[in-house]
Amino acid sequence: MSEGELTIHVNLGEIASELNHPHDVVSVVEATARAEAVEAGEISVTFCSMTAIAELNQKYLNREGSTDVIAFNLGEGGRPLGDVYICPEIARRSAEEYGVSPREELLRLVVHGVLHVLGYDHPEGPERADSEMFRRQEAVLEGLKSPGR
């Protein structure tokens, strides 16, 4: 990775069928980075099974069960470096619950994970939806829906 570039790795596997091409994910990571004035770094996005994300959740966060997204901020010195793991099966359930398309929910989770890699965090509980991180997340998603995108 050179000094002034953003490197993005995507592992879609077969389980994120709503995302037709890794370019979908790359575009969302780039849009999130742009919204946060990030020009260089390295971010990996991996879509994984409920079993795999539950194992990550237990091993690294000491939490039981599956979750929709886990992000690891591995960078130091202001240059983002991190991994985002997303479970499409849980995203599909959430999409139904929230009344959005599975594709929109998957892309929301990409933005959410990238914001964690960029240093954002949110409280647990009902106030999380009013947090700065969630406002940033929804602003990026709105920008993706704008004409010409």
Protein backbone atom coordinates (compact mmCIF):
# COMPACT_ATOMS: atom_id res chain seq x y z
CA MET A 1 0.00 0.00 0.00
CA SER A 2 1.46 3.33 -0.98
CA GLU A 3 1.33 6.41 1.24
CA GLY A 4 -1.65 8.15 -0.36
CA GLU A 5 -4.09 5.43 -1.30
CA LEU A 6 -7.03 3.66 0.22
CA THR A 7 -6.75 -0.10 -0.26
CA ILE A 8 -9.97 -2.07 0.04
CA HIS A 9 -10.25 -5.86 0.20
CA VAL A 10 -13.63 -7.56 -0.25
CA ASN A 11 -14.53 -11.18 0.37
CA LEU A 12 -18.16 -11.62 -0.69
CA GLY A 13 -18.28 -15.37 -0.85
CA GLU A 14 -21.54 -16.85 -2.07
CA ILE A 15 -23.59 -15.78 0.92
CA ALA A 16 -24.06 -12.09 0.12
CA SER A 17 -26.12 -12.68 -3.02
CA GLU A 18 -27.78 -9.23 -2.76
CA LEU A 19 -24.43 -7.65 -3.58
CA ASN A 20 -23.72 -8.53 -7.18
CA HIS A 21 -20.09 -7.54 -7.31
CA PRO A 22 -17.29 -6.53 -4.94
CA HIS A 23 -17.51 -3.09 -6.58
CA ASP A 24 -20.76 -2.49 -4.63
CA VAL A 25 -18.84 -2.81 -1.37
CA VAL A 26 -15.78 -0.90 -2.60
CA SER A 27 -18.01 2.03 -3.62
CA VAL A 28 -19.59 2.18 -0.16
CA VAL A 29 -16.23 1.99 1.62
CA GLU A 30 -14.90 4.75 -0.64
CA ALA A 31 -17.99 6.92 -0.03
CA THR A 32 -17.65 6.47 3.73
CA ALA A 33 -13.95 7.31 3.63
CA ARG A 34 -14.63 10.37 1.46
CA ALA A 35 -17.35 11.57 3.86
CA GLU A 36 -14.80 11.35 6.68
CA ALA A 37 -11.98 12.97 4.64
CA VAL A 38 -9.92 9.76 4.71
CA GLU A 39 -7.66 9.40 1.70
CA ALA A 40 -5.34 6.57 2.70
CA GLY A 41 -5.51 3.38 4.68
CA GLU A 42 -6.46 -0.26 4.34
CA ILE A 43 -9.86 -1.79 5.05
CA SER A 44 -11.02 -5.35 4.58
CA VAL A 45 -14.71 -6.33 4.41
CA THR A 46 -15.63 -10.00 4.77
CA PHE A 47 -19.09 -11.54 4.62
CA CYS A 48 -19.35 -14.62 6.80
CA SER A 49 -21.73 -17.19 8.22
CA MET A 50 -23.56 -16.97 11.54
CA THR A 51 -21.20 -19.59 12.95
CA ALA A 52 -18.09 -17.69 11.89
CA ILE A 53 -19.30 -14.34 13.26
CA ALA A 54 -20.38 -16.01 16.52
CA GLU A 55 -16.86 -17.42 16.88
CA LEU A 56 -15.32 -13.98 16.29
CA ASN A 57 -17.77 -12.44 18.75
CA GLN A 58 -16.83 -14.95 21.44
CA LYS A 59 -13.09 -15.02 20.81
CA TYR A 60 -12.41 -11.30 20.44
CA LEU A 61 -15.31 -9.55 22.18
CA ASN A 62 -16.17 -12.17 24.80
CA ARG A 63 -19.83 -12.04 23.77
CA GLU A 64 -22.14 -14.99 23.16
CA GLY A 65 -23.92 -15.59 19.87
CA SER A 66 -24.06 -14.14 16.41
CA THR A 67 -24.27 -10.46 15.53
CA ASP A 68 -24.74 -8.48 12.33
CA VAL A 69 -21.36 -6.70 12.13
CA ILE A 70 -18.03 -6.76 13.94
CA ALA A 71 -15.24 -4.31 13.17
CA PHE A 72 -11.64 -4.24 14.32
CA ASN A 73 -9.73 -0.97 14.25
CA LEU A 74 -6.10 -2.08 13.94
CA GLY A 75 -4.57 1.22 12.87
CA GLU A 76 -2.33 3.58 14.73
CA GLY A 77 -1.25 7.12 13.98
CA GLY A 78 -4.33 8.32 12.15
CA ARG A 79 -4.07 5.94 9.20
CA PRO A 80 -7.05 3.59 9.18
CA LEU A 81 -6.35 -0.10 9.13
CA GLY A 82 -9.09 -2.53 9.97
CA ASP A 83 -11.31 -5.49 9.29
CA VAL A 84 -15.09 -5.54 9.02
CA TYR A 85 -17.07 -8.80 9.27
CA ILE A 86 -20.73 -8.88 8.26
CA CYS A 87 -23.26 -11.69 8.58
CA PRO A 88 -25.72 -11.53 5.63
CA GLU A 89 -28.15 -13.94 7.29
CA ILE A 90 -28.63 -11.61 10.26
CA ALA A 91 -28.72 -8.59 7.93
CA ARG A 92 -31.60 -10.19 6.02
CA ARG A 93 -33.55 -10.69 9.26
CA SER A 94 -32.89 -7.10 10.31
CA ALA A 95 -33.94 -5.81 6.89
CA GLU A 96 -37.29 -7.52 7.26
CA GLU A 97 -37.69 -6.15 10.79
CA TYR A 98 -36.81 -2.59 9.72
CA GLY A 99 -38.77 -2.70 6.45
CA VAL A 100 -35.78 -2.12 4.16
CA SER A 101 -34.28 -4.24 1.41
CA PRO A 102 -31.60 -6.77 2.35
CA ARG A 103 -29.21 -4.95 0.01
CA GLU A 104 -29.76 -1.64 1.82
CA GLU A 105 -29.20 -3.27 5.20
CA LEU A 106 -26.00 -4.96 4.00
CA LEU A 107 -24.68 -1.64 2.70
CA ARG A 108 -25.68 0.06 5.97
CA LEU A 109 -23.59 -2.53 7.83
CA VAL A 110 -20.62 -1.85 5.54
CA VAL A 111 -20.83 1.87 6.41
CA HIS A 112 -21.32 1.03 10.09
CA GLY A 113 -18.28 -1.24 10.18
CA VAL A 114 -16.09 1.25 8.31
CA LEU A 115 -17.08 4.01 10.72
CA HIS A 116 -15.96 1.77 13.59
CA VAL A 117 -12.63 1.23 11.82
CA LEU A 118 -12.36 5.02 11.48
CA GLY A 119 -12.73 5.39 15.24
CA TYR A 120 -16.44 5.98 15.76
CA ASP A 121 -18.38 4.25 18.49
CA HIS A 122 -21.93 4.37 19.82
CA PRO A 123 -23.69 3.69 23.09
CA GLU A 124 -25.73 0.55 23.59
CA GLY A 125 -29.46 0.71 24.09
CA PRO A 126 -32.09 3.04 22.66
CA GLU A 127 -29.83 6.10 22.60
CA ARG A 128 -27.53 4.49 20.03
CA ALA A 129 -29.85 5.60 17.20
CA ASP A 130 -29.30 9.23 18.25
CA SER A 131 -25.51 8.96 18.39
CA GLU A 132 -23.11 10.88 16.16
CA MET A 133 -22.02 7.60 14.59
CA PHE A 134 -25.55 6.71 13.52
CA ARG A 135 -26.13 10.20 12.14
CA ARG A 136 -22.92 9.87 10.08
CA GLN A 137 -23.93 6.39 8.93
CA GLU A 138 -27.34 7.53 7.69
CA ALA A 139 -25.84 10.62 6.02
CA VAL A 140 -23.45 8.43 4.03
CA LEU A 141 -26.30 6.11 3.02
CA GLU A 142 -28.44 9.10 1.95
CA GLY A 143 -25.54 10.29 -0.19
CA LEU A 144 -25.43 6.91 -1.89
CA LYS A 145 -29.11 7.27 -2.84
CA SER A 146 -28.55 10.68 -4.44
CA PRO A 147 -29.08 11.02 -8.20
CA GLY A 148 -26.02 10.17 -10.23
CA ARG A 149 -24.89 7.38 -7.88
